[in-house]
Amino acid sequence: VQQISEMLTELFQRARLEKPGQVDPRAAEFTLSLLTAMYDRSGTGYIKTRSAAAALIALSGDTLLAKYRAFFQFYAVRDGKVALITRSALRSLLTDLNQIPAIVGESCTLSCVEIATHSCFHGVLNSAIVEEKFLSWLRSEPAVLLWLPTCYRLSATEMVSHQARCK
């Protein structure tokens, strides 16, 4: 938790320099509090770096494709020159990501994660998949992660303005 706190402090200090006046001075504190609530409910003082990274990626303002690629990077394993994501890595990713809606009472059961993992690996004979298969599955908007593209679309529409007058 201490290392993540230091990293968040540095991250938000840089963001404040890039966008003066747009970053709350307590952003690092609030973000750490959220990560702790999601990933350290028993108060052990430990949060897996990969879990925190997944949450930060999911909550970032980046495009969906960039988020999906980053998830793959963090959870994939190297097999020679090729990066692959295994069933267990996908389960870990989905479990980590599902802590985000769970914090507001919209949790998914463990069976949701298993069903999603099975659907991702449907028709796959190998024990792992390449990035393109992973991205293709995510683009199909699996139910277990439907909140992610929905939140992205909502945040993207916040910037839309039009010249129409309402009566």
N, C-alpha and C. Protein backbone atom coordinates (compact mmCIF):
# COMPACT_ATOMS: atom_id res chain seq x y z
N VAL A 1 0.83 -1.18 0.00
CA VAL A 1 0.00 0.00 0.00
C VAL A 1 0.88 1.25 0.00
N GLN A 2 1.96 1.21 0.77
CA GLN A 2 2.86 2.37 0.84
C GLN A 2 3.49 2.66 -0.53
N GLN A 3 3.92 1.64 -1.22
CA GLN A 3 4.51 1.84 -2.55
C GLN A 3 3.48 2.39 -3.54
N ILE A 4 2.28 1.88 -3.48
CA ILE A 4 1.23 2.36 -4.37
C ILE A 4 0.90 3.81 -4.03
N SER A 5 0.90 4.15 -2.75
CA SER A 5 0.65 5.53 -2.32
C SER A 5 1.70 6.48 -2.91
N GLU A 6 2.95 6.08 -2.84
CA GLU A 6 4.03 6.91 -3.39
C GLU A 6 3.89 7.06 -4.89
N MET A 7 3.55 5.97 -5.57
CA MET A 7 3.38 6.01 -7.01
C MET A 7 2.21 6.92 -7.41
N LEU A 8 1.11 6.82 -6.68
CA LEU A 8 -0.05 7.66 -6.97
C LEU A 8 0.25 9.14 -6.73
N THR A 9 0.99 9.42 -5.66
CA THR A 9 1.37 10.80 -5.37
C THR A 9 2.18 11.39 -6.52
N GLU A 10 3.14 10.61 -7.00
CA GLU A 10 3.96 11.07 -8.12
C GLU A 10 3.12 11.22 -9.39
N LEU A 11 2.27 10.26 -9.64
CA LEU A 11 1.41 10.29 -10.82
C LEU A 11 0.54 11.54 -10.84
N PHE A 12 -0.11 11.84 -9.72
CA PHE A 12 -1.01 12.98 -9.68
C PHE A 12 -0.26 14.31 -9.62
N GLN A 13 0.94 14.32 -9.09
CA GLN A 13 1.76 15.54 -9.14
C GLN A 13 2.09 15.87 -10.59
N ARG A 14 2.45 14.86 -11.36
CA ARG A 14 2.72 15.08 -12.79
C ARG A 14 1.47 15.57 -13.51
N ALA A 15 0.34 14.96 -13.19
CA ALA A 15 -0.92 15.36 -13.83
C ALA A 15 -1.26 16.80 -13.48
N ARG A 16 -1.00 17.23 -12.24
CA ARG A 16 -1.27 18.61 -11.85
C ARG A 16 -0.39 19.59 -12.62
N LEU A 17 0.85 19.18 -12.91
CA LEU A 17 1.74 20.03 -13.70
C LEU A 17 1.26 20.16 -15.14
N GLU A 18 0.78 19.04 -15.70
CA GLU A 18 0.30 19.03 -17.08
C GLU A 18 -1.04 19.76 -17.23
N LYS A 19 -1.88 19.65 -16.21
CA LYS A 19 -3.22 20.24 -16.28
C LYS A 19 -3.49 21.02 -14.99
N PRO A 20 -2.86 22.19 -14.87
CA PRO A 20 -3.04 22.98 -13.64
C PRO A 20 -4.50 23.30 -13.36
N GLY A 21 -4.89 23.15 -12.12
CA GLY A 21 -6.25 23.46 -11.71
C GLY A 21 -7.29 22.40 -12.01
N GLN A 22 -6.89 21.32 -12.70
CA GLN A 22 -7.86 20.29 -13.07
C GLN A 22 -7.75 19.02 -12.22
N VAL A 23 -6.73 18.95 -11.38
CA VAL A 23 -6.52 17.74 -10.58
C VAL A 23 -6.65 18.10 -9.10
N ASP A 24 -7.56 17.44 -8.43
CA ASP A 24 -7.78 17.68 -7.01
C ASP A 24 -6.50 17.37 -6.24
N PRO A 25 -6.10 18.24 -5.31
CA PRO A 25 -4.87 17.99 -4.53
C PRO A 25 -4.93 16.69 -3.72
N ARG A 26 -6.13 16.19 -3.45
CA ARG A 26 -6.28 14.95 -2.68
C ARG A 26 -6.54 13.74 -3.56
N ALA A 27 -6.31 13.87 -4.88
CA ALA A 27 -6.60 12.79 -5.82
C ALA A 27 -5.86 11.50 -5.45
N ALA A 28 -4.59 11.61 -5.09
CA ALA A 28 -3.81 10.42 -4.73
C ALA A 28 -4.42 9.74 -3.49
N GLU A 29 -4.79 10.55 -2.52
CA GLU A 29 -5.39 10.03 -1.29
C GLU A 29 -6.72 9.33 -1.57
N PHE A 30 -7.56 9.97 -2.39
CA PHE A 30 -8.86 9.39 -2.74
C PHE A 30 -8.70 8.10 -3.53
N THR A 31 -7.76 8.10 -4.46
CA THR A 31 -7.54 6.92 -5.30
C THR A 31 -7.02 5.77 -4.46
N LEU A 32 -6.09 6.05 -3.57
CA LEU A 32 -5.56 5.00 -2.69
C LEU A 32 -6.67 4.45 -1.80
N SER A 33 -7.52 5.31 -1.33
CA SER A 33 -8.64 4.88 -0.49
C SER A 33 -9.56 3.94 -1.28
N LEU A 34 -9.83 4.28 -2.53
CA LEU A 34 -10.66 3.43 -3.38
C LEU A 34 -9.98 2.08 -3.63
N LEU A 35 -8.70 2.10 -3.98
CA LEU A 35 -7.96 0.85 -4.23
C LEU A 35 -7.92 -0.02 -2.98
N THR A 36 -7.74 0.60 -1.83
CA THR A 36 -7.70 -0.15 -0.57
C THR A 36 -9.07 -0.78 -0.30
N ALA A 37 -10.12 -0.03 -0.53
CA ALA A 37 -11.47 -0.57 -0.31
C ALA A 37 -11.76 -1.74 -1.24
N MET A 38 -11.20 -1.69 -2.44
CA MET A 38 -11.45 -2.76 -3.41
C MET A 38 -10.57 -3.98 -3.18
N TYR A 39 -9.30 -3.76 -2.87
CA TYR A 39 -8.34 -4.86 -2.89
C TYR A 39 -7.69 -5.20 -1.55
N ASP A 40 -8.01 -4.47 -0.49
CA ASP A 40 -7.46 -4.79 0.83
C ASP A 40 -8.53 -4.63 1.90
N ARG A 41 -9.62 -5.33 1.70
CA ARG A 41 -10.76 -5.21 2.61
C ARG A 41 -10.44 -5.68 4.02
N SER A 42 -9.50 -6.61 4.15
CA SER A 42 -9.16 -7.11 5.49
C SER A 42 -8.09 -6.27 6.17
N GLY A 43 -7.58 -5.25 5.50
CA GLY A 43 -6.62 -4.33 6.12
C GLY A 43 -5.23 -4.90 6.33
N THR A 44 -4.78 -5.75 5.41
CA THR A 44 -3.45 -6.36 5.55
C THR A 44 -2.32 -5.39 5.22
N GLY A 45 -2.63 -4.32 4.48
CA GLY A 45 -1.60 -3.38 4.06
C GLY A 45 -0.97 -3.77 2.74
N TYR A 46 -1.54 -4.80 2.09
CA TYR A 46 -1.00 -5.27 0.80
C TYR A 46 -2.07 -5.22 -0.28
N ILE A 47 -1.67 -4.72 -1.42
CA ILE A 47 -2.51 -4.73 -2.62
C ILE A 47 -1.61 -5.22 -3.74
N LYS A 48 -2.10 -6.17 -4.51
CA LYS A 48 -1.32 -6.64 -5.65
C LYS A 48 -1.16 -5.49 -6.64
N THR A 49 0.05 -5.28 -7.09
CA THR A 49 0.33 -4.21 -8.04
C THR A 49 -0.48 -4.39 -9.30
N ARG A 50 -0.59 -5.61 -9.75
CA ARG A 50 -1.33 -5.90 -10.98
C ARG A 50 -2.81 -5.55 -10.82
N SER A 51 -3.37 -5.83 -9.66
CA SER A 51 -4.78 -5.49 -9.40
C SER A 51 -4.98 -3.98 -9.42
N ALA A 52 -4.08 -3.25 -8.75
CA ALA A 52 -4.16 -1.79 -8.73
C ALA A 52 -4.01 -1.24 -10.14
N ALA A 53 -3.08 -1.79 -10.90
CA ALA A 53 -2.87 -1.34 -12.28
C ALA A 53 -4.12 -1.57 -13.12
N ALA A 54 -4.76 -2.72 -12.96
CA ALA A 54 -5.99 -3.02 -13.72
C ALA A 54 -7.07 -2.00 -13.40
N ALA A 55 -7.22 -1.66 -12.14
CA ALA A 55 -8.24 -0.67 -11.75
C ALA A 55 -7.90 0.70 -12.32
N LEU A 56 -6.65 1.10 -12.24
CA LEU A 56 -6.25 2.40 -12.76
C LEU A 56 -6.44 2.48 -14.27
N ILE A 57 -6.13 1.39 -14.95
CA ILE A 57 -6.34 1.34 -16.40
C ILE A 57 -7.83 1.47 -16.71
N ALA A 58 -8.64 0.67 -16.00
CA ALA A 58 -10.09 0.68 -16.25
C ALA A 58 -10.70 2.05 -15.99
N LEU A 59 -10.20 2.75 -14.97
CA LEU A 59 -10.77 4.04 -14.60
C LEU A 59 -10.12 5.22 -15.32
N SER A 60 -9.13 4.93 -16.14
CA SER A 60 -8.44 6.00 -16.87
C SER A 60 -9.34 6.56 -17.97
N GLY A 61 -8.94 7.68 -18.52
CA GLY A 61 -9.69 8.31 -19.59
C GLY A 61 -9.27 7.85 -20.97
N ASP A 62 -8.48 6.81 -21.05
CA ASP A 62 -7.99 6.33 -22.33
C ASP A 62 -9.09 5.64 -23.13
N THR A 63 -8.81 5.34 -24.39
CA THR A 63 -9.79 4.66 -25.24
C THR A 63 -9.97 3.22 -24.77
N LEU A 64 -11.07 2.61 -25.14
CA LEU A 64 -11.32 1.22 -24.78
C LEU A 64 -10.23 0.30 -25.33
N LEU A 65 -9.85 0.51 -26.59
CA LEU A 65 -8.82 -0.35 -27.18
C LEU A 65 -7.51 -0.23 -26.41
N ALA A 66 -7.13 0.98 -26.04
CA ALA A 66 -5.89 1.17 -25.28
C ALA A 66 -5.99 0.47 -23.92
N LYS A 67 -7.15 0.55 -23.30
CA LYS A 67 -7.35 -0.14 -22.01
C LYS A 67 -7.23 -1.65 -22.20
N TYR A 68 -7.88 -2.18 -23.22
CA TYR A 68 -7.86 -3.62 -23.47
C TYR A 68 -6.44 -4.11 -23.74
N ARG A 69 -5.68 -3.35 -24.51
CA ARG A 69 -4.28 -3.72 -24.79
C ARG A 69 -3.44 -3.69 -23.51
N ALA A 70 -3.68 -2.69 -22.67
CA ALA A 70 -2.95 -2.59 -21.41
C ALA A 70 -3.29 -3.76 -20.48
N PHE A 71 -4.55 -4.16 -20.44
CA PHE A 71 -4.92 -5.33 -19.63
C PHE A 71 -4.13 -6.54 -20.10
N PHE A 72 -4.08 -6.71 -21.41
CA PHE A 72 -3.34 -7.85 -21.97
C PHE A 72 -1.88 -7.79 -21.55
N GLN A 73 -1.27 -6.63 -21.67
CA GLN A 73 0.15 -6.47 -21.31
C GLN A 73 0.42 -6.87 -19.86
N PHE A 74 -0.47 -6.45 -18.95
CA PHE A 74 -0.26 -6.72 -17.53
C PHE A 74 -0.52 -8.17 -17.13
N TYR A 75 -1.40 -8.86 -17.84
CA TYR A 75 -1.80 -10.20 -17.43
C TYR A 75 -1.23 -11.31 -18.31
N ALA A 76 -0.65 -10.96 -19.44
CA ALA A 76 -0.12 -11.97 -20.35
C ALA A 76 1.22 -12.51 -19.86
N VAL A 77 1.54 -13.70 -20.34
CA VAL A 77 2.85 -14.31 -20.08
C VAL A 77 3.56 -14.46 -21.42
N ARG A 78 4.86 -14.46 -21.37
CA ARG A 78 5.67 -14.61 -22.59
C ARG A 78 5.90 -16.08 -22.87
N ASP A 79 5.71 -16.46 -24.12
CA ASP A 79 6.04 -17.80 -24.59
C ASP A 79 6.93 -17.61 -25.81
N GLY A 80 8.21 -17.46 -25.54
CA GLY A 80 9.14 -17.13 -26.61
C GLY A 80 8.94 -15.69 -27.01
N LYS A 81 8.65 -15.47 -28.29
CA LYS A 81 8.43 -14.11 -28.78
C LYS A 81 6.97 -13.68 -28.68
N VAL A 82 6.10 -14.60 -28.34
CA VAL A 82 4.66 -14.33 -28.33
C VAL A 82 4.15 -14.15 -26.90
N ALA A 83 3.30 -13.15 -26.70
CA ALA A 83 2.63 -12.96 -25.42
C ALA A 83 1.27 -13.64 -25.48
N LEU A 84 0.92 -14.35 -24.42
CA LEU A 84 -0.34 -15.09 -24.36
C LEU A 84 -1.02 -14.82 -23.03
N ILE A 85 -2.33 -14.92 -23.04
CA ILE A 85 -3.05 -14.84 -21.78
C ILE A 85 -3.68 -16.21 -21.52
N THR A 86 -3.43 -16.73 -20.33
CA THR A 86 -3.93 -18.05 -19.95
C THR A 86 -5.32 -17.92 -19.32
N ARG A 87 -5.96 -19.06 -19.15
CA ARG A 87 -7.27 -19.06 -18.50
C ARG A 87 -7.17 -18.51 -17.08
N SER A 88 -6.15 -18.93 -16.35
CA SER A 88 -6.01 -18.45 -14.97
C SER A 88 -5.71 -16.95 -14.93
N ALA A 89 -4.93 -16.46 -15.88
CA ALA A 89 -4.65 -15.02 -15.94
C ALA A 89 -5.93 -14.24 -16.26
N LEU A 90 -6.74 -14.78 -17.18
CA LEU A 90 -8.00 -14.13 -17.51
C LEU A 90 -8.92 -14.12 -16.29
N ARG A 91 -8.98 -15.22 -15.56
CA ARG A 91 -9.79 -15.27 -14.33
C ARG A 91 -9.32 -14.19 -13.36
N SER A 92 -8.01 -14.06 -13.20
CA SER A 92 -7.46 -13.05 -12.29
C SER A 92 -7.85 -11.65 -12.74
N LEU A 93 -7.72 -11.37 -14.03
CA LEU A 93 -8.08 -10.06 -14.57
C LEU A 93 -9.56 -9.77 -14.32
N LEU A 94 -10.42 -10.72 -14.65
CA LEU A 94 -11.86 -10.50 -14.47
C LEU A 94 -12.23 -10.33 -13.00
N THR A 95 -11.60 -11.10 -12.14
CA THR A 95 -11.84 -10.98 -10.71
C THR A 95 -11.39 -9.62 -10.21
N ASP A 96 -10.21 -9.18 -10.66
CA ASP A 96 -9.71 -7.86 -10.27
C ASP A 96 -10.62 -6.75 -10.76
N LEU A 97 -11.03 -6.82 -12.02
CA LEU A 97 -11.88 -5.78 -12.59
C LEU A 97 -13.26 -5.76 -11.95
N ASN A 98 -13.74 -6.90 -11.52
CA ASN A 98 -15.07 -6.95 -10.93
C ASN A 98 -15.12 -6.38 -9.52
N GLN A 99 -13.97 -6.03 -8.97
CA GLN A 99 -13.96 -5.34 -7.68
C GLN A 99 -14.43 -3.90 -7.84
N ILE A 100 -14.34 -3.37 -9.06
CA ILE A 100 -14.76 -1.98 -9.30
C ILE A 100 -16.27 -1.84 -9.16
N PRO A 101 -17.10 -2.60 -9.90
CA PRO A 101 -18.54 -2.47 -9.67
C PRO A 101 -18.96 -3.02 -8.30
N ALA A 102 -18.19 -3.95 -7.76
CA ALA A 102 -18.53 -4.51 -6.44
C ALA A 102 -18.49 -3.45 -5.35
N ILE A 103 -17.63 -2.46 -5.52
CA ILE A 103 -17.50 -1.41 -4.50
C ILE A 103 -18.77 -0.58 -4.38
N VAL A 104 -19.60 -0.59 -5.43
CA VAL A 104 -20.88 0.12 -5.37
C VAL A 104 -22.06 -0.86 -5.33
N GLY A 105 -21.78 -2.09 -4.91
CA GLY A 105 -22.84 -3.07 -4.72
C GLY A 105 -23.31 -3.79 -5.96
N GLU A 106 -22.55 -3.72 -7.03
CA GLU A 106 -22.93 -4.38 -8.29
C GLU A 106 -21.98 -5.54 -8.57
N SER A 107 -21.84 -6.41 -7.61
CA SER A 107 -20.86 -7.49 -7.77
C SER A 107 -21.37 -8.60 -8.67
N CYS A 108 -20.42 -9.31 -9.19
CA CYS A 108 -20.68 -10.45 -10.06
C CYS A 108 -20.27 -11.70 -9.28
N THR A 109 -20.97 -12.77 -9.48
CA THR A 109 -20.62 -14.00 -8.79
C THR A 109 -19.40 -14.65 -9.45
N LEU A 110 -18.81 -15.56 -8.75
CA LEU A 110 -17.65 -16.29 -9.28
C LEU A 110 -18.05 -17.04 -10.54
N SER A 111 -19.30 -17.49 -10.62
CA SER A 111 -19.75 -18.21 -11.81
C SER A 111 -19.75 -17.30 -13.04
N CYS A 112 -19.99 -16.00 -12.86
CA CYS A 112 -19.92 -15.05 -13.99
C CYS A 112 -18.53 -15.04 -14.59
N VAL A 113 -17.53 -15.05 -13.72
CA VAL A 113 -16.14 -15.05 -14.17
C VAL A 113 -15.85 -16.35 -14.93
N GLU A 114 -16.33 -17.47 -14.42
CA GLU A 114 -16.10 -18.75 -15.08
C GLU A 114 -16.80 -18.81 -16.44
N ILE A 115 -18.02 -18.31 -16.49
CA ILE A 115 -18.77 -18.30 -17.76
C ILE A 115 -18.05 -17.43 -18.78
N ALA A 116 -17.57 -16.27 -18.34
CA ALA A 116 -16.85 -15.35 -19.23
C ALA A 116 -15.55 -15.98 -19.72
N THR A 117 -14.84 -16.63 -18.82
CA THR A 117 -13.59 -17.29 -19.20
C THR A 117 -13.86 -18.38 -20.23
N HIS A 118 -14.89 -19.15 -20.00
CA HIS A 118 -15.27 -20.21 -20.93
C HIS A 118 -15.63 -19.62 -22.30
N SER A 119 -16.37 -18.50 -22.30
CA SER A 119 -16.76 -17.91 -23.58
C SER A 119 -15.56 -17.35 -24.33
N CYS A 120 -14.60 -16.81 -23.61
CA CYS A 120 -13.39 -16.29 -24.25
C CYS A 120 -12.59 -17.41 -24.90
N PHE A 121 -12.53 -18.54 -24.23
CA PHE A 121 -11.73 -19.67 -24.72
C PHE A 121 -12.55 -20.67 -25.54
N HIS A 122 -13.79 -20.31 -25.87
CA HIS A 122 -14.64 -21.20 -26.65
C HIS A 122 -13.97 -21.53 -27.99
N GLY A 123 -13.85 -22.79 -28.27
CA GLY A 123 -13.25 -23.25 -29.52
C GLY A 123 -11.73 -23.18 -29.55
N VAL A 124 -11.12 -22.81 -28.43
CA VAL A 124 -9.65 -22.72 -28.36
C VAL A 124 -9.11 -24.02 -27.78
N LEU A 125 -8.19 -24.63 -28.49
CA LEU A 125 -7.62 -25.89 -28.03
C LEU A 125 -6.40 -25.68 -27.14
N ASN A 126 -5.74 -24.55 -27.30
CA ASN A 126 -4.54 -24.27 -26.51
C ASN A 126 -4.91 -23.81 -25.11
N SER A 127 -3.90 -23.74 -24.24
CA SER A 127 -4.14 -23.32 -22.86
C SER A 127 -4.08 -21.80 -22.72
N ALA A 128 -3.74 -21.10 -23.81
CA ALA A 128 -3.63 -19.64 -23.77
C ALA A 128 -4.01 -19.07 -25.12
N ILE A 129 -4.34 -17.77 -25.13
CA ILE A 129 -4.73 -17.11 -26.37
C ILE A 129 -3.83 -15.91 -26.65
N VAL A 130 -3.77 -15.54 -27.92
CA VAL A 130 -2.97 -14.38 -28.33
C VAL A 130 -3.80 -13.11 -28.13
N GLU A 131 -3.14 -11.98 -28.27
CA GLU A 131 -3.78 -10.68 -28.02
C GLU A 131 -4.99 -10.45 -28.92
N GLU A 132 -4.90 -10.79 -30.20
CA GLU A 132 -6.01 -10.54 -31.12
C GLU A 132 -7.29 -11.27 -30.70
N LYS A 133 -7.16 -12.51 -30.27
CA LYS A 133 -8.32 -13.28 -29.80
C LYS A 133 -8.90 -12.62 -28.54
N PHE A 134 -8.03 -12.20 -27.64
CA PHE A 134 -8.43 -11.52 -26.41
C PHE A 134 -9.18 -10.22 -26.74
N LEU A 135 -8.62 -9.41 -27.64
CA LEU A 135 -9.24 -8.15 -28.03
C LEU A 135 -10.58 -8.38 -28.72
N SER A 136 -10.64 -9.38 -29.58
CA SER A 136 -11.88 -9.70 -30.27
C SER A 136 -12.97 -10.06 -29.27
N TRP A 137 -12.62 -10.85 -28.28
CA TRP A 137 -13.58 -11.24 -27.25
C TRP A 137 -14.05 -10.02 -26.46
N LEU A 138 -13.14 -9.13 -26.08
CA LEU A 138 -13.52 -7.94 -25.34
C LEU A 138 -14.41 -7.01 -26.17
N ARG A 139 -14.13 -6.92 -27.47
CA ARG A 139 -14.95 -6.08 -28.35
C ARG A 139 -16.39 -6.60 -28.46
N SER A 140 -16.59 -7.88 -28.19
CA SER A 140 -17.95 -8.44 -28.23
C SER A 140 -18.75 -8.05 -26.99
N GLU A 141 -18.12 -7.30 -26.10
CA GLU A 141 -18.73 -6.80 -24.87
C GLU A 141 -19.35 -7.90 -24.02
N PRO A 142 -18.49 -8.76 -23.45
CA PRO A 142 -19.01 -9.82 -22.59
C PRO A 142 -19.76 -9.23 -21.39
N ALA A 143 -20.82 -9.89 -20.99
CA ALA A 143 -21.70 -9.39 -19.93
C ALA A 143 -20.95 -9.05 -18.65
N VAL A 144 -19.95 -9.84 -18.32
CA VAL A 144 -19.22 -9.64 -17.07
C VAL A 144 -18.50 -8.28 -17.03
N LEU A 145 -18.19 -7.75 -18.20
CA LEU A 145 -17.49 -6.46 -18.27
C LEU A 145 -18.30 -5.38 -18.99
N LEU A 146 -19.59 -5.57 -19.09
CA LEU A 146 -20.42 -4.60 -19.81
C LEU A 146 -20.35 -3.21 -19.20
N TRP A 147 -20.08 -3.13 -17.92
CA TRP A 147 -19.97 -1.83 -17.25
C TRP A 147 -18.83 -1.00 -17.81
N LEU A 148 -17.76 -1.63 -18.30
CA LEU A 148 -16.58 -0.90 -18.75
C LEU A 148 -16.85 -0.07 -20.01
N PRO A 149 -17.35 -0.67 -21.11
CA PRO A 149 -17.66 0.18 -22.27
C PRO A 149 -18.80 1.16 -22.00
N THR A 150 -19.72 0.80 -21.11
CA THR A 150 -20.81 1.71 -20.77
C THR A 150 -20.26 2.96 -20.08
N CYS A 151 -19.38 2.77 -19.12
CA CYS A 151 -18.76 3.91 -18.43
C CYS A 151 -17.93 4.74 -19.40
N TYR A 152 -17.24 4.07 -20.31
CA TYR A 152 -16.44 4.79 -21.31
C TYR A 152 -17.34 5.67 -22.17
N ARG A 153 -18.43 5.11 -22.63
CA ARG A 153 -19.35 5.88 -23.49
C ARG A 153 -19.94 7.07 -22.74
N LEU A 154 -20.29 6.85 -21.47
CA LEU A 154 -20.83 7.95 -20.67
C LEU A 154 -19.80 9.07 -20.52
N SER A 155 -18.56 8.70 -20.23
CA SER A 155 -17.54 9.74 -20.05
C SER A 155 -17.23 10.43 -21.37
N ALA A 156 -17.29 9.70 -22.47
CA ALA A 156 -17.02 10.30 -23.78
C ALA A 156 -18.11 11.30 -24.16
N THR A 157 -19.34 11.05 -23.75
CA THR A 157 -20.42 11.97 -24.11
C THR A 157 -20.42 13.23 -23.25
N GLU A 158 -19.69 13.24 -22.16
CA GLU A 158 -19.60 14.44 -21.33
C GLU A 158 -18.97 15.60 -22.08
N MET A 159 -18.13 15.29 -23.04
CA MET A 159 -17.42 16.31 -23.80
C MET A 159 -18.20 16.80 -25.02
N VAL A 160 -19.32 16.17 -25.32
CA VAL A 160 -20.10 16.53 -26.51
C VAL A 160 -20.90 17.79 -26.22
N SER A 161 -20.85 18.71 -27.17
CA SER A 161 -21.71 19.89 -27.05
C SER A 161 -22.37 20.11 -28.41
N HIS A 162 -23.52 20.69 -28.38
CA HIS A 162 -24.23 20.96 -29.63
C HIS A 162 -24.87 22.35 -29.53
N GLN A 163 -25.22 22.87 -30.66
CA GLN A 163 -25.76 24.22 -30.73
C GLN A 163 -27.29 24.25 -30.72
N ALA A 164 -27.93 23.15 -30.48
CA ALA A 164 -29.39 23.09 -30.50
C ALA A 164 -29.96 23.80 -29.28
N ARG A 165 -31.06 24.46 -29.48
CA ARG A 165 -31.74 25.12 -28.37
C ARG A 165 -32.92 24.27 -27.92
N CYS A 166 -33.07 24.16 -26.63
CA CYS A 166 -34.18 23.40 -26.08
C CYS A 166 -35.25 24.37 -25.59
N LYS A 167 -36.49 23.98 -25.71
CA LYS A 167 -37.58 24.84 -25.23
C LYS A 167 -38.09 24.31 -23.91
